[in-house]
Amino acid sequence: MYDDYLDQAIVDITSGALDYNTVIRRVVGEMTRSGLRTDHAFSTNPTDYTGIDYPSGWHNRIDVAARRAMLTGVSQLTDQITRKNAEILGVDRFEVSWHVGARPEHAEWQGKVYTMD
């Protein structure tokens, strides 16, 4: 069920039908109404146990998990589209975008041109 909500969210975002924040609100609502619960309290309210447990033992509130999963899914989908377009166009070089305020471990590789290899 969780995957179905997220798959639809990625379609809605990448198609341009809805923005991230609208989709996150919808998905969080769908997931909490579905009865998704864990035994981890994420607030001072003892009845607030809504969250996602991962096989690794990590757990997050639903809004955090949904946002992370949607951003990852959209990123992976756009990567696949970019690679397919490069194949169709016969190019093997990519310019990576950059932005101010990037984490130090990302800043060092932003704004450069890379090959597919």
Protein backbone atom coordinates (compact mmCIF):
# COMPACT_ATOMS: atom_id res chain seq x y z
CA MET A 1 0.00 0.00 0.00
CA TYR A 2 2.83 2.40 0.94
CA ASP A 3 4.48 1.84 -2.45
CA ASP A 4 1.20 2.46 -4.30
CA TYR A 5 0.76 5.85 -2.62
CA LEU A 6 4.33 6.82 -3.43
CA ASP A 7 4.20 5.59 -7.03
CA GLN A 8 1.11 7.73 -7.67
CA ALA A 9 2.79 10.67 -5.95
CA ILE A 10 5.81 10.42 -8.27
CA VAL A 11 3.51 10.33 -11.31
CA ASP A 12 1.62 13.39 -10.06
CA ILE A 13 4.83 15.34 -9.45
CA THR A 14 6.72 14.41 -12.62
CA SER A 15 3.68 14.98 -14.83
CA GLY A 16 3.36 18.49 -13.42
CA ALA A 17 -0.18 17.78 -12.24
CA LEU A 18 0.61 18.75 -8.65
CA ASP A 19 3.43 20.35 -6.68
CA TYR A 20 5.54 18.56 -4.05
CA ASN A 21 3.84 20.10 -1.02
CA THR A 22 0.32 19.29 -2.23
CA VAL A 23 1.32 15.71 -2.96
CA ILE A 24 3.11 15.28 0.38
CA ARG A 25 0.03 16.49 2.27
CA ARG A 26 -2.19 14.11 0.29
CA VAL A 27 0.09 11.09 0.69
CA VAL A 28 0.57 11.66 4.42
CA GLY A 29 -3.21 11.85 4.81
CA GLU A 30 -3.75 8.68 2.76
CA MET A 31 -1.13 6.77 4.68
CA THR A 32 -2.38 7.81 8.12
CA ARG A 33 -6.00 7.07 7.19
CA SER A 34 -4.93 3.63 5.96
CA GLY A 35 -4.15 2.62 9.53
CA LEU A 36 -0.38 2.72 9.15
CA ARG A 37 1.05 2.73 12.66
CA THR A 38 4.25 1.88 14.53
CA ASP A 39 5.19 1.50 18.15
CA HIS A 40 7.47 4.56 18.10
CA ALA A 41 6.21 7.79 19.61
CA PHE A 42 7.35 10.81 17.61
CA SER A 43 5.91 13.51 19.84
CA THR A 44 4.98 14.18 23.44
CA ASN A 45 1.43 13.06 22.67
CA PRO A 46 1.26 9.39 23.77
CA THR A 47 -1.37 8.58 21.12
CA ASP A 48 0.78 9.89 18.25
CA TYR A 49 2.46 6.71 16.95
CA THR A 50 2.22 7.25 13.20
CA GLY A 51 5.44 6.45 11.37
CA ILE A 52 7.44 4.17 9.11
CA ASP A 53 9.73 1.40 10.33
CA TYR A 54 12.52 0.39 7.96
CA PRO A 55 14.12 -3.09 7.88
CA SER A 56 17.39 -1.46 8.97
CA GLY A 57 15.78 -0.53 12.27
CA TRP A 58 15.56 3.16 11.38
CA HIS A 59 12.18 4.86 11.75
CA ASN A 60 10.73 8.19 10.67
CA ARG A 61 7.50 10.10 10.95
CA ILE A 62 5.28 9.52 7.93
CA ASP A 63 5.78 13.05 6.57
CA VAL A 64 9.58 12.70 6.70
CA ALA A 65 9.56 9.22 5.15
CA ALA A 66 7.08 10.21 2.42
CA ARG A 67 9.01 13.34 1.47
CA ARG A 68 12.32 11.46 1.33
CA ALA A 69 10.83 8.63 -0.72
CA MET A 70 9.17 11.03 -3.17
CA LEU A 71 12.31 13.11 -3.68
CA THR A 72 14.35 9.94 -4.21
CA GLY A 73 11.78 8.50 -6.62
CA VAL A 74 11.56 11.68 -8.69
CA SER A 75 15.36 11.92 -8.79
CA GLN A 76 15.71 8.31 -9.94
CA LEU A 77 13.04 8.76 -12.60
CA THR A 78 14.60 11.94 -13.97
CA ASP A 79 17.98 10.18 -14.04
CA GLN A 80 16.50 7.37 -16.14
CA ILE A 81 14.86 9.87 -18.50
CA THR A 82 18.12 11.83 -18.83
CA ARG A 83 20.06 8.67 -19.65
CA LYS A 84 17.48 7.59 -22.25
CA ASN A 85 17.51 11.05 -23.85
CA ALA A 86 21.32 10.97 -23.96
CA GLU A 87 21.19 7.57 -25.64
CA ILE A 88 18.68 8.81 -28.23
CA LEU A 89 20.73 11.95 -28.90
CA GLY A 90 24.04 10.08 -28.97
CA VAL A 91 25.72 12.12 -26.25
CA ASP A 92 27.80 10.88 -23.35
CA ARG A 93 28.62 14.09 -21.48
CA PHE A 94 26.55 15.63 -18.73
CA GLU A 95 26.82 18.97 -17.00
CA VAL A 96 25.82 18.67 -13.36
CA SER A 97 23.89 21.64 -12.03
CA TRP A 98 25.05 23.56 -8.98
CA HIS A 99 23.52 25.73 -6.31
CA VAL A 100 24.71 28.01 -3.55
CA GLY A 101 24.78 26.51 -0.08
CA ALA A 102 25.39 22.91 -1.13
CA ARG A 103 26.73 20.52 1.47
CA PRO A 104 30.55 20.46 1.35
CA GLU A 105 30.61 16.86 0.09
CA HIS A 106 28.36 17.88 -2.84
CA ALA A 107 29.89 21.28 -3.59
CA GLU A 108 33.12 19.71 -4.84
CA TRP A 109 31.44 17.90 -7.76
CA GLN A 110 28.71 20.39 -8.71
CA GLY A 111 28.85 22.44 -11.90
CA LYS A 112 31.23 20.13 -13.73
CA VAL A 113 30.96 18.06 -16.90
CA TYR A 114 31.12 14.28 -16.61
CA THR A 115 31.00 11.41 -19.07
CA MET A 116 28.74 8.40 -18.80
CA ASP A 117 31.70 6.14 -18.01
